Amino acid sequence: MKNSKKQIAIQRMQILFHNALSNAKNNPGLAQRQAEIVKKISMKFKIQMPFEISLSFCKNCKKFIAPGIESKIRLGSKPKSIRITCSYCNHTYRKIISQ
């Protein structure tokens, strides 16, 4: 019973996340709300968000940032990394790429 609820919650999180990505350009308010619901589902069922979903949230202001729309994504050179800059709070964080 518990396991089936978690599976349904994970599927719902994926659906809402993809809807938030598609609505980010045309309706950013709706996309922000859908991303908040994804976060609430993960907290309620104690499920860790998948990497691609957690990467879309700012680590400083905790808002949903769609790649290329509400954030700037650049590649770093020395340690191979991806730099993500939030357009809401201008916080920049890096994800190191392993070789």
PDB file of N, CA and C in Angstrom:
ATOM      1  N   MET A   1       0.829  -1.200   0.000  1.00  0.00           N
ATOM      2  CA  MET A   1       0.000   0.000   0.000  1.00  0.00           C
ATOM      3  C   MET A   1       0.870   1.259   0.000  1.00  0.00           C
ATOM      4  N   LYS A   2       1.857   1.290   0.927  1.00  0.00           N
ATOM      5  CA  LYS A   2       2.724   2.459   1.015  1.00  0.00           C
ATOM      6  C   LYS A   2       3.528   2.654  -0.256  1.00  0.00           C
ATOM      7  N   ASN A   3       4.039   1.542  -0.779  1.00  0.00           N
ATOM      8  CA  ASN A   3       4.884   1.600  -1.956  1.00  0.00           C
ATOM      9  C   ASN A   3       4.110   2.105  -3.165  1.00  0.00           C
ATOM     10  N   SER A   4       2.858   1.702  -3.298  1.00  0.00           N
ATOM     11  CA  SER A   4       2.061   2.156  -4.434  1.00  0.00           C
ATOM     12  C   SER A   4       1.778   3.650  -4.343  1.00  0.00           C
ATOM     13  N   LYS A   5       1.582   4.172  -3.140  1.00  0.00           N
ATOM     14  CA  LYS A   5       1.364   5.612  -2.967  1.00  0.00           C
ATOM     15  C   LYS A   5       2.610   6.389  -3.371  1.00  0.00           C
ATOM     16  N   LYS A   6       3.779   5.872  -3.020  1.00  0.00           N
ATOM     17  CA  LYS A   6       5.022   6.553  -3.390  1.00  0.00           C
ATOM     18  C   LYS A   6       5.231   6.521  -4.900  1.00  0.00           C
ATOM     19  N   GLN A   7       4.882   5.403  -5.536  1.00  0.00           N
ATOM     20  CA  GLN A   7       5.013   5.322  -6.993  1.00  0.00           C
ATOM     21  C   GLN A   7       4.100   6.332  -7.681  1.00  0.00           C
ATOM     22  N   ILE A   8       2.881   6.444  -7.187  1.00  0.00           N
ATOM     23  CA  ILE A   8       1.934   7.415  -7.754  1.00  0.00           C
ATOM     24  C   ILE A   8       2.446   8.835  -7.528  1.00  0.00           C
ATOM     25  N   ALA A   9       3.019   9.096  -6.355  1.00  0.00           N
ATOM     26  CA  ALA A   9       3.553  10.420  -6.046  1.00  0.00           C
ATOM     27  C   ALA A   9       4.715  10.761  -6.976  1.00  0.00           C
ATOM     28  N   ILE A  10       5.585   9.804  -7.251  1.00  0.00           N
ATOM     29  CA  ILE A  10       6.717  10.041  -8.155  1.00  0.00           C
ATOM     30  C   ILE A  10       6.218  10.335  -9.568  1.00  0.00           C
ATOM     31  N   GLN A  11       5.222   9.580 -10.020  1.00  0.00           N
ATOM     32  CA  GLN A  11       4.664   9.833 -11.342  1.00  0.00           C
ATOM     33  C   GLN A  11       4.029  11.217 -11.418  1.00  0.00           C
ATOM     34  N   ARG A  12       3.314  11.596 -10.372  1.00  0.00           N
ATOM     35  CA  ARG A  12       2.668  12.911 -10.329  1.00  0.00           C
ATOM     36  C   ARG A  12       3.717  14.025 -10.336  1.00  0.00           C
ATOM     37  N   MET A  13       4.832  13.809  -9.622  1.00  0.00           N
ATOM     38  CA  MET A  13       5.906  14.798  -9.606  1.00  0.00           C
ATOM     39  C   MET A  13       6.489  14.982 -11.008  1.00  0.00           C
ATOM     40  N   GLN A  14       6.701  13.888 -11.721  1.00  0.00           N
ATOM     41  CA  GLN A  14       7.251  13.966 -13.074  1.00  0.00           C
ATOM     42  C   GLN A  14       6.305  14.728 -14.010  1.00  0.00           C
ATOM     43  N   ILE A  15       5.017  14.410 -13.922  1.00  0.00           N
ATOM     44  CA  ILE A  15       4.027  15.064 -14.783  1.00  0.00           C
ATOM     45  C   ILE A  15       3.975  16.560 -14.501  1.00  0.00           C
ATOM     46  N   LEU A  16       3.904  16.929 -13.216  1.00  0.00           N
ATOM     47  CA  LEU A  16       3.835  18.348 -12.863  1.00  0.00           C
ATOM     48  C   LEU A  16       5.101  19.088 -13.259  1.00  0.00           C
ATOM     49  N   PHE A  17       6.254  18.448 -13.114  1.00  0.00           N
ATOM     50  CA  PHE A  17       7.509  19.097 -13.486  1.00  0.00           C
ATOM     51  C   PHE A  17       7.561  19.366 -14.982  1.00  0.00           C
ATOM     52  N   HIS A  18       7.171  18.394 -15.796  1.00  0.00           N
ATOM     53  CA  HIS A  18       7.181  18.599 -17.243  1.00  0.00           C
ATOM     54  C   HIS A  18       6.165  19.661 -17.660  1.00  0.00           C
ATOM     55  N   ASN A  19       5.024  19.718 -16.969  1.00  0.00           N
ATOM     56  CA  ASN A  19       4.053  20.775 -17.243  1.00  0.00           C
ATOM     57  C   ASN A  19       4.607  22.142 -16.857  1.00  0.00           C
ATOM     58  N   ALA A  20       5.326  22.208 -15.738  1.00  0.00           N
ATOM     59  CA  ALA A  20       5.923  23.475 -15.309  1.00  0.00           C
ATOM     60  C   ALA A  20       6.959  23.945 -16.323  1.00  0.00           C
ATOM     61  N   LEU A  21       7.751  23.033 -16.861  1.00  0.00           N
ATOM     62  CA  LEU A  21       8.731  23.414 -17.882  1.00  0.00           C
ATOM     63  C   LEU A  21       8.058  23.944 -19.141  1.00  0.00           C
ATOM     64  N   SER A  22       6.978  23.301 -19.548  1.00  0.00           N
ATOM     65  CA  SER A  22       6.304  23.747 -20.770  1.00  0.00           C
ATOM     66  C   SER A  22       5.554  25.063 -20.564  1.00  0.00           C
ATOM     67  N   ASN A  23       5.098  25.351 -19.338  1.00  0.00           N
ATOM     68  CA  ASN A  23       4.377  26.587 -19.066  1.00  0.00           C
ATOM     69  C   ASN A  23       5.277  27.741 -18.648  1.00  0.00           C
ATOM     70  N   ALA A  24       6.564  27.510 -18.485  1.00  0.00           N
ATOM     71  CA  ALA A  24       7.464  28.518 -17.929  1.00  0.00           C
ATOM     72  C   ALA A  24       7.542  29.778 -18.784  1.00  0.00           C
ATOM     73  N   LYS A  25       7.503  29.629 -20.085  1.00  0.00           N
ATOM     74  CA  LYS A  25       7.652  30.799 -20.950  1.00  0.00           C
ATOM     75  C   LYS A  25       6.344  31.573 -21.087  1.00  0.00           C
ATOM     76  N   ASN A  26       5.245  30.883 -21.300  1.00  0.00           N
ATOM     77  CA  ASN A  26       3.959  31.545 -21.553  1.00  0.00           C
ATOM     78  C   ASN A  26       3.248  31.977 -20.275  1.00  0.00           C
ATOM     79  N   ASN A  27       3.331  31.164 -19.227  1.00  0.00           N
ATOM     80  CA  ASN A  27       2.597  31.456 -17.994  1.00  0.00           C
ATOM     81  C   ASN A  27       3.489  31.154 -16.791  1.00  0.00           C
ATOM     82  N   PRO A  28       4.396  32.072 -16.427  1.00  0.00           N
ATOM     83  CA  PRO A  28       5.350  31.778 -15.349  1.00  0.00           C
ATOM     84  C   PRO A  28       4.699  31.605 -13.975  1.00  0.00           C
ATOM     85  N   GLY A  29       3.575  32.239 -13.732  1.00  0.00           N
ATOM     86  CA  GLY A  29       2.889  32.074 -12.451  1.00  0.00           C
ATOM     87  C   GLY A  29       2.387  30.656 -12.255  1.00  0.00           C
ATOM     88  N   LEU A  30       1.803  30.105 -13.306  1.00  0.00           N
ATOM     89  CA  LEU A  30       1.316  28.725 -13.256  1.00  0.00           C
ATOM     90  C   LEU A  30       2.475  27.745 -13.096  1.00  0.00           C
ATOM     91  N   ALA A  31       3.570  28.001 -13.801  1.00  0.00           N
ATOM     92  CA  ALA A  31       4.743  27.128 -13.696  1.00  0.00           C
ATOM     93  C   ALA A  31       5.311  27.150 -12.272  1.00  0.00           C
ATOM     94  N   GLN A  32       5.357  28.329 -11.663  1.00  0.00           N
ATOM     95  CA  GLN A  32       5.860  28.452 -10.290  1.00  0.00           C
ATOM     96  C   GLN A  32       4.967  27.662  -9.319  1.00  0.00           C
ATOM     97  N   ARG A  33       3.659  27.736  -9.518  1.00  0.00           N
ATOM     98  CA  ARG A  33       2.712  27.017  -8.652  1.00  0.00           C
ATOM     99  C   ARG A  33       2.850  25.501  -8.822  1.00  0.00           C
ATOM    100  N   GLN A  34       3.013  25.048 -10.056  1.00  0.00           N
ATOM    101  CA  GLN A  34       3.175  23.616 -10.292  1.00  0.00           C
ATOM    102  C   GLN A  34       4.466  23.104  -9.659  1.00  0.00           C
ATOM    103  N   ALA A  35       5.517  23.908  -9.698  1.00  0.00           N
ATOM    104  CA  ALA A  35       6.781  23.505  -9.082  1.00  0.00           C
ATOM    105  C   ALA A  35       6.655  23.465  -7.555  1.00  0.00           C
ATOM    106  N   GLU A  36       5.880  24.391  -6.981  1.00  0.00           N
ATOM    107  CA  GLU A  36       5.639  24.349  -5.529  1.00  0.00           C
ATOM    108  C   GLU A  36       4.910  23.072  -5.132  1.00  0.00           C
ATOM    109  N   ILE A  37       3.964  22.656  -5.956  1.00  0.00           N
ATOM    110  CA  ILE A  37       3.224  21.423  -5.671  1.00  0.00           C
ATOM    111  C   ILE A  37       4.163  20.217  -5.734  1.00  0.00           C
ATOM    112  N   VAL A  38       5.102  20.223  -6.684  1.00  0.00           N
ATOM    113  CA  VAL A  38       6.083  19.140  -6.768  1.00  0.00           C
ATOM    114  C   VAL A  38       6.875  19.059  -5.472  1.00  0.00           C
ATOM    115  N   LYS A  39       7.300  20.218  -4.964  1.00  0.00           N
ATOM    116  CA  LYS A  39       8.055  20.253  -3.709  1.00  0.00           C
ATOM    117  C   LYS A  39       7.222  19.727  -2.539  1.00  0.00           C
ATOM    118  N   LYS A  40       5.953  20.134  -2.485  1.00  0.00           N
ATOM    119  CA  LYS A  40       5.076  19.697  -1.395  1.00  0.00           C
ATOM    120  C   LYS A  40       4.842  18.190  -1.436  1.00  0.00           C
ATOM    121  N   ILE A  41       4.697  17.640  -2.626  1.00  0.00           N
ATOM    122  CA  ILE A  41       4.506  16.192  -2.754  1.00  0.00           C
ATOM    123  C   ILE A  41       5.734  15.456  -2.241  1.00  0.00           C
ATOM    124  N   SER A  42       6.918  15.941  -2.600  1.00  0.00           N
ATOM    125  CA  SER A  42       8.139  15.258  -2.164  1.00  0.00           C
ATOM    126  C   SER A  42       8.305  15.335  -0.647  1.00  0.00           C
ATOM    127  N   MET A  43       7.881  16.441  -0.045  1.00  0.00           N
ATOM    128  CA  MET A  43       7.992  16.551   1.409  1.00  0.00           C
ATOM    129  C   MET A  43       6.938  15.701   2.118  1.00  0.00           C
ATOM    130  N   LYS A  44       5.729  15.668   1.586  1.00  0.00           N
ATOM    131  CA  LYS A  44       4.658  14.924   2.234  1.00  0.00           C
ATOM    132  C   LYS A  44       4.934  13.426   2.252  1.00  0.00           C
ATOM    133  N   PHE A  45       5.422  12.894   1.125  1.00  0.00           N
ATOM    134  CA  PHE A  45       5.666  11.453   1.039  1.00  0.00           C
ATOM    135  C   PHE A  45       7.108  11.077   1.361  1.00  0.00           C
ATOM    136  N   LYS A  46       7.927  12.062   1.758  1.00  0.00           N
ATOM    137  CA  LYS A  46       9.329  11.845   2.137  1.00  0.00           C
ATOM    138  C   LYS A  46      10.098  11.162   1.007  1.00  0.00           C
ATOM    139  N   ILE A  47       9.950  11.737  -0.176  1.00  0.00           N
ATOM    140  CA  ILE A  47      10.624  11.229  -1.367  1.00  0.00           C
ATOM    141  C   ILE A  47      11.679  12.251  -1.770  1.00  0.00           C
ATOM    142  N   GLN A  48      12.888  11.789  -2.044  1.00  0.00           N
ATOM    143  CA  GLN A  48      13.912  12.689  -2.541  1.00  0.00           C
ATOM    144  C   GLN A  48      13.610  13.024  -3.996  1.00  0.00           C
ATOM    145  N   MET A  49      13.686  14.312  -4.323  1.00  0.00           N
ATOM    146  CA  MET A  49      13.422  14.729  -5.696  1.00  0.00           C
ATOM    147  C   MET A  49      14.515  14.206  -6.615  1.00  0.00           C
ATOM    148  N   PRO A  50      14.148  13.747  -7.808  1.00  0.00           N
ATOM    149  CA  PRO A  50      15.169  13.330  -8.770  1.00  0.00           C
ATOM    150  C   PRO A  50      16.105  14.488  -9.114  1.00  0.00           C
ATOM    151  N   PHE A  51      17.311  14.159  -9.580  1.00  0.00           N
ATOM    152  CA  PHE A  51      18.348  15.157  -9.808  1.00  0.00           C
ATOM    153  C   PHE A  51      17.904  16.237 -10.780  1.00  0.00           C
ATOM    154  N   GLU A  52      17.248  15.857 -11.885  1.00  0.00           N
ATOM    155  CA  GLU A  52      16.868  16.857 -12.886  1.00  0.00           C
ATOM    156  C   GLU A  52      15.802  17.816 -12.353  1.00  0.00           C
ATOM    157  N   ILE A  53      15.011  17.366 -11.392  1.00  0.00           N
ATOM    158  CA  ILE A  53      14.012  18.252 -10.800  1.00  0.00           C
ATOM    159  C   ILE A  53      14.670  19.171  -9.771  1.00  0.00           C
ATOM    160  N   SER A  54      15.513  18.624  -8.910  1.00  0.00           N
ATOM    161  CA  SER A  54      16.136  19.452  -7.877  1.00  0.00           C
ATOM    162  C   SER A  54      17.102  20.471  -8.466  1.00  0.00           C
ATOM    163  N   LEU A  55      17.639  20.196  -9.647  1.00  0.00           N
ATOM    164  CA  LEU A  55      18.530  21.135 -10.317  1.00  0.00           C
ATOM    165  C   LEU A  55      17.777  22.379 -10.781  1.00  0.00           C
ATOM    166  N   SER A  56      16.457  22.279 -10.931  1.00  0.00           N
ATOM    167  CA  SER A  56      15.651  23.389 -11.429  1.00  0.00           C
ATOM    168  C   SER A  56      15.162  24.320 -10.337  1.00  0.00           C
ATOM    169  N   PHE A  57      15.620  24.139  -9.116  1.00  0.00           N
ATOM    170  CA  PHE A  57      15.260  25.034  -8.022  1.00  0.00           C
ATOM    171  C   PHE A  57      16.496  25.796  -7.584  1.00  0.00           C
ATOM    172  N   CYS A  58      16.354  27.103  -7.343  1.00  0.00           N
ATOM    173  CA  CYS A  58      17.477  27.918  -6.883  1.00  0.00           C
ATOM    174  C   CYS A  58      17.848  27.492  -5.467  1.00  0.00           C
ATOM    175  N   LYS A  59      19.142  27.389  -5.211  1.00  0.00           N
ATOM    176  CA  LYS A  59      19.596  26.961  -3.890  1.00  0.00           C
ATOM    177  C   LYS A  59      19.517  28.094  -2.874  1.00  0.00           C
ATOM    178  N   ASN A  60      19.360  29.335  -3.336  1.00  0.00           N
ATOM    179  CA  ASN A  60      19.313  30.483  -2.434  1.00  0.00           C
ATOM    180  C   ASN A  60      17.872  30.905  -2.121  1.00  0.00           C
ATOM    181  N   CYS A  61      17.103  31.245  -3.156  1.00  0.00           N
ATOM    182  CA  CYS A  61      15.742  31.752  -2.924  1.00  0.00           C
ATOM    183  C   CYS A  61      14.679  30.663  -3.033  1.00  0.00           C
ATOM    184  N   LYS A  62      15.065  29.432  -3.413  1.00  0.00           N
ATOM    185  CA  LYS A  62      14.192  28.254  -3.476  1.00  0.00           C
ATOM    186  C   LYS A  62      13.079  28.360  -4.516  1.00  0.00           C
ATOM    187  N   LYS A  63      13.206  29.260  -5.484  1.00  0.00           N
ATOM    188  CA  LYS A  63      12.196  29.383  -6.532  1.00  0.00           C
ATOM    189  C   LYS A  63      12.525  28.446  -7.685  1.00  0.00           C
ATOM    190  N   PHE A  64      11.505  28.140  -8.464  1.00  0.00           N
ATOM    191  CA  PHE A  64      11.658  27.310  -9.656  1.00  0.00           C
ATOM    192  C   PHE A  64      12.284  28.165 -10.748  1.00  0.00           C
ATOM    193  N   ILE A  65      13.381  27.700 -11.312  1.00  0.00           N
ATOM    194  CA  ILE A  65      14.031  28.423 -12.409  1.00  0.00           C
ATOM    195  C   ILE A  65      14.115  27.493 -13.612  1.00  0.00           C
ATOM    196  N   ALA A  66      13.373  27.845 -14.647  1.00  0.00           N
ATOM    197  CA  ALA A  66      13.403  27.052 -15.872  1.00  0.00           C
ATOM    198  C   ALA A  66      14.714  27.333 -16.590  1.00  0.00           C
ATOM    199  N   PRO A  67      15.401  26.309 -17.057  1.00  0.00           N
ATOM    200  CA  PRO A  67      16.687  26.511 -17.725  1.00  0.00           C
ATOM    201  C   PRO A  67      16.544  27.381 -18.969  1.00  0.00           C
ATOM    202  N   GLY A  68      17.300  28.461 -19.026  1.00  0.00           N
ATOM    203  CA  GLY A  68      17.298  29.345 -20.175  1.00  0.00           C
ATOM    204  C   GLY A  68      16.217  30.395 -20.162  1.00  0.00           C
ATOM    205  N   ILE A  69      15.230  30.281 -19.288  1.00  0.00           N
ATOM    206  CA  ILE A  69      14.149  31.259 -19.239  1.00  0.00           C
ATOM    207  C   ILE A  69      14.302  32.143 -18.000  1.00  0.00           C
ATOM    208  N   GLU A  70      14.364  31.544 -16.824  1.00  0.00           N
ATOM    209  CA  GLU A  70      14.569  32.294 -15.592  1.00  0.00           C
ATOM    210  C   GLU A  70      15.970  32.106 -15.028  1.00  0.00           C
ATOM    211  N   SER A  71      16.865  31.557 -15.831  1.00  0.00           N
ATOM    212  CA  SER A  71      18.240  31.367 -15.373  1.00  0.00           C
ATOM    213  C   SER A  71      19.187  31.433 -16.562  1.00  0.00           C
ATOM    214  N   LYS A  72      20.437  31.747 -16.258  1.00  0.00           N
ATOM    215  CA  LYS A  72      21.488  31.705 -17.270  1.00  0.00           C
ATOM    216  C   LYS A  72      22.332  30.479 -16.991  1.00  0.00           C
ATOM    217  N   ILE A  73      22.663  29.737 -18.018  1.00  0.00           N
ATOM    218  CA  ILE A  73      23.487  28.549 -17.859  1.00  0.00           C
ATOM    219  C   ILE A  73      24.744  28.741 -18.696  1.00  0.00           C
ATOM    220  N   ARG A  74      25.904  28.633 -18.040  1.00  0.00           N
ATOM    221  CA  ARG A  74      27.181  28.805 -18.729  1.00  0.00           C
ATOM    222  C   ARG A  74      28.092  27.642 -18.386  1.00  0.00           C
ATOM    223  N   LEU A  75      29.058  27.402 -19.232  1.00  0.00           N
ATOM    224  CA  LEU A  75      30.030  26.340 -18.992  1.00  0.00           C
ATOM    225  C   LEU A  75      31.318  26.948 -18.466  1.00  0.00           C
ATOM    226  N   GLY A  76      31.880  26.336 -17.414  1.00  0.00           N
ATOM    227  CA  GLY A  76      33.149  26.770 -16.852  1.00  0.00           C
ATOM    228  C   GLY A  76      34.297  26.015 -17.505  1.00  0.00           C
ATOM    229  N   SER A  77      35.510  26.567 -17.398  1.00  0.00           N
ATOM    230  CA  SER A  77      36.625  25.952 -18.111  1.00  0.00           C
ATOM    231  C   SER A  77      37.582  25.183 -17.211  1.00  0.00           C
ATOM    232  N   LYS A  78      38.100  25.798 -16.159  1.00  0.00           N
ATOM    233  CA  LYS A  78      39.158  25.149 -15.371  1.00  0.00           C
ATOM    234  C   LYS A  78      38.668  23.856 -14.737  1.00  0.00           C
ATOM    235  N   PRO A  79      37.904  23.896 -13.650  1.00  0.00           N
ATOM    236  CA  PRO A  79      37.261  22.614 -13.347  1.00  0.00           C
ATOM    237  C   PRO A  79      36.018  22.569 -14.226  1.00  0.00           C
ATOM    238  N   LYS A  80      35.916  21.550 -15.052  1.00  0.00           N
ATOM    239  CA  LYS A  80      34.760  21.457 -15.943  1.00  0.00           C
ATOM    240  C   LYS A  80      33.490  21.528 -15.104  1.00  0.00           C
ATOM    241  N   SER A  81      32.689  22.572 -15.342  1.00  0.00           N
ATOM    242  CA  SER A  81      31.511  22.772 -14.511  1.00  0.00           C
ATOM    243  C   SER A  81      30.418  23.476 -15.300  1.00  0.00           C
ATOM    244  N   ILE A  82      29.230  23.421 -14.748  1.00  0.00           N
ATOM    245  CA  ILE A  82      28.082  24.151 -15.277  1.00  0.00           C
ATOM    246  C   ILE A  82      27.758  25.222 -14.249  1.00  0.00           C
ATOM    247  N   ARG A  83      27.668  26.479 -14.681  1.00  0.00           N
ATOM    248  CA  ARG A  83      27.325  27.578 -13.780  1.00  0.00           C
ATOM    249  C   ARG A  83      25.893  28.006 -14.060  1.00  0.00           C
ATOM    250  N   ILE A  84      25.082  28.008 -13.023  1.00  0.00           N
ATOM    251  CA  ILE A  84      23.679  28.365 -13.149  1.00  0.00           C
ATOM    252  C   ILE A  84      23.447  29.630 -12.341  1.00  0.00           C
ATOM    253  N   THR A  85      22.915  30.674 -12.984  1.00  0.00           N
ATOM    254  CA  THR A  85      22.645  31.943 -12.328  1.00  0.00           C
ATOM    255  C   THR A  85      21.143  32.170 -12.304  1.00  0.00           C
ATOM    256  N   CYS A  86      20.595  32.357 -11.114  1.00  0.00           N
ATOM    257  CA  CYS A  86      19.167  32.614 -10.932  1.00  0.00           C
ATOM    258  C   CYS A  86      18.877  34.061 -11.325  1.00  0.00           C
ATOM    259  N   SER A  87      17.813  34.279 -12.102  1.00  0.00           N
ATOM    260  CA  SER A  87      17.485  35.645 -12.503  1.00  0.00           C
ATOM    261  C   SER A  87      16.683  36.377 -11.428  1.00  0.00           C
ATOM    262  N   TYR A  88      16.167  35.669 -10.418  1.00  0.00           N
ATOM    263  CA  TYR A  88      15.419  36.311  -9.344  1.00  0.00           C
ATOM    264  C   TYR A  88      16.360  36.938  -8.313  1.00  0.00           C
ATOM    265  N   CYS A  89      17.364  36.184  -7.865  1.00  0.00           N
ATOM    266  CA  CYS A  89      18.233  36.662  -6.782  1.00  0.00           C
ATOM    267  C   CYS A  89      19.696  36.822  -7.206  1.00  0.00           C
ATOM    268  N   ASN A  90      20.017  36.526  -8.479  1.00  0.00           N
ATOM    269  CA  ASN A  90      21.385  36.605  -9.029  1.00  0.00           C
ATOM    270  C   ASN A  90      22.386  35.718  -8.308  1.00  0.00           C
ATOM    271  N   HIS A  91      21.922  34.680  -7.663  1.00  0.00           N
ATOM    272  CA  HIS A  91      22.816  33.730  -7.009  1.00  0.00           C
ATOM    273  C   HIS A  91      23.372  32.782  -8.070  1.00  0.00           C
ATOM    274  N   THR A  92      24.680  32.546  -8.031  1.00  0.00           N
ATOM    275  CA  THR A  92      25.329  31.645  -8.976  1.00  0.00           C
ATOM    276  C   THR A  92      25.855  30.434  -8.234  1.00  0.00           C
ATOM    277  N   TYR A  93      25.563  29.264  -8.741  1.00  0.00           N
ATOM    278  CA  TYR A  93      26.122  28.050  -8.162  1.00  0.00           C
ATOM    279  C   TYR A  93      26.622  27.152  -9.272  1.00  0.00           C
ATOM    280  N   ARG A  94      27.544  26.253  -8.911  1.00  0.00           N
ATOM    281  CA  ARG A  94      28.204  25.410  -9.898  1.00  0.00           C
ATOM    282  C   ARG A  94      27.916  23.952  -9.655  1.00  0.00           C
ATOM    283  N   LYS A  95      27.858  23.231 -10.731  1.00  0.00           N
ATOM    284  CA  LYS A  95      27.797  21.769 -10.701  1.00  0.00           C
ATOM    285  C   LYS A  95      29.039  21.280 -11.434  1.00  0.00           C
ATOM    286  N   ILE A  96      29.937  20.600 -10.724  1.00  0.00           N
ATOM    287  CA  ILE A  96      31.157  20.088 -11.315  1.00  0.00           C
ATOM    288  C   ILE A  96      30.835  18.872 -12.176  1.00  0.00           C
ATOM    289  N   ILE A  97      31.407  18.828 -13.378  1.00  0.00           N
ATOM    290  CA  ILE A  97      31.195  17.705 -14.282  1.00  0.00           C
ATOM    291  C   ILE A  97      32.375  16.760 -14.132  1.00  0.00           C
ATOM    292  N   SER A  98      32.112  15.529 -13.777  1.00  0.00           N
ATOM    293  CA  SER A  98      33.182  14.551 -13.650  1.00  0.00           C
ATOM    294  C   SER A  98      33.632  14.088 -15.025  1.00  0.00           C
ATOM    295  N   GLN A  99      34.897  13.713 -15.125  1.00  0.00           N
ATOM    296  CA  GLN A  99      35.423  13.345 -16.442  1.00  0.00           C
ATOM    297  C   GLN A  99      35.542  11.867 -16.609  1.00  0.00           C
TER     298      GLN A  99
END
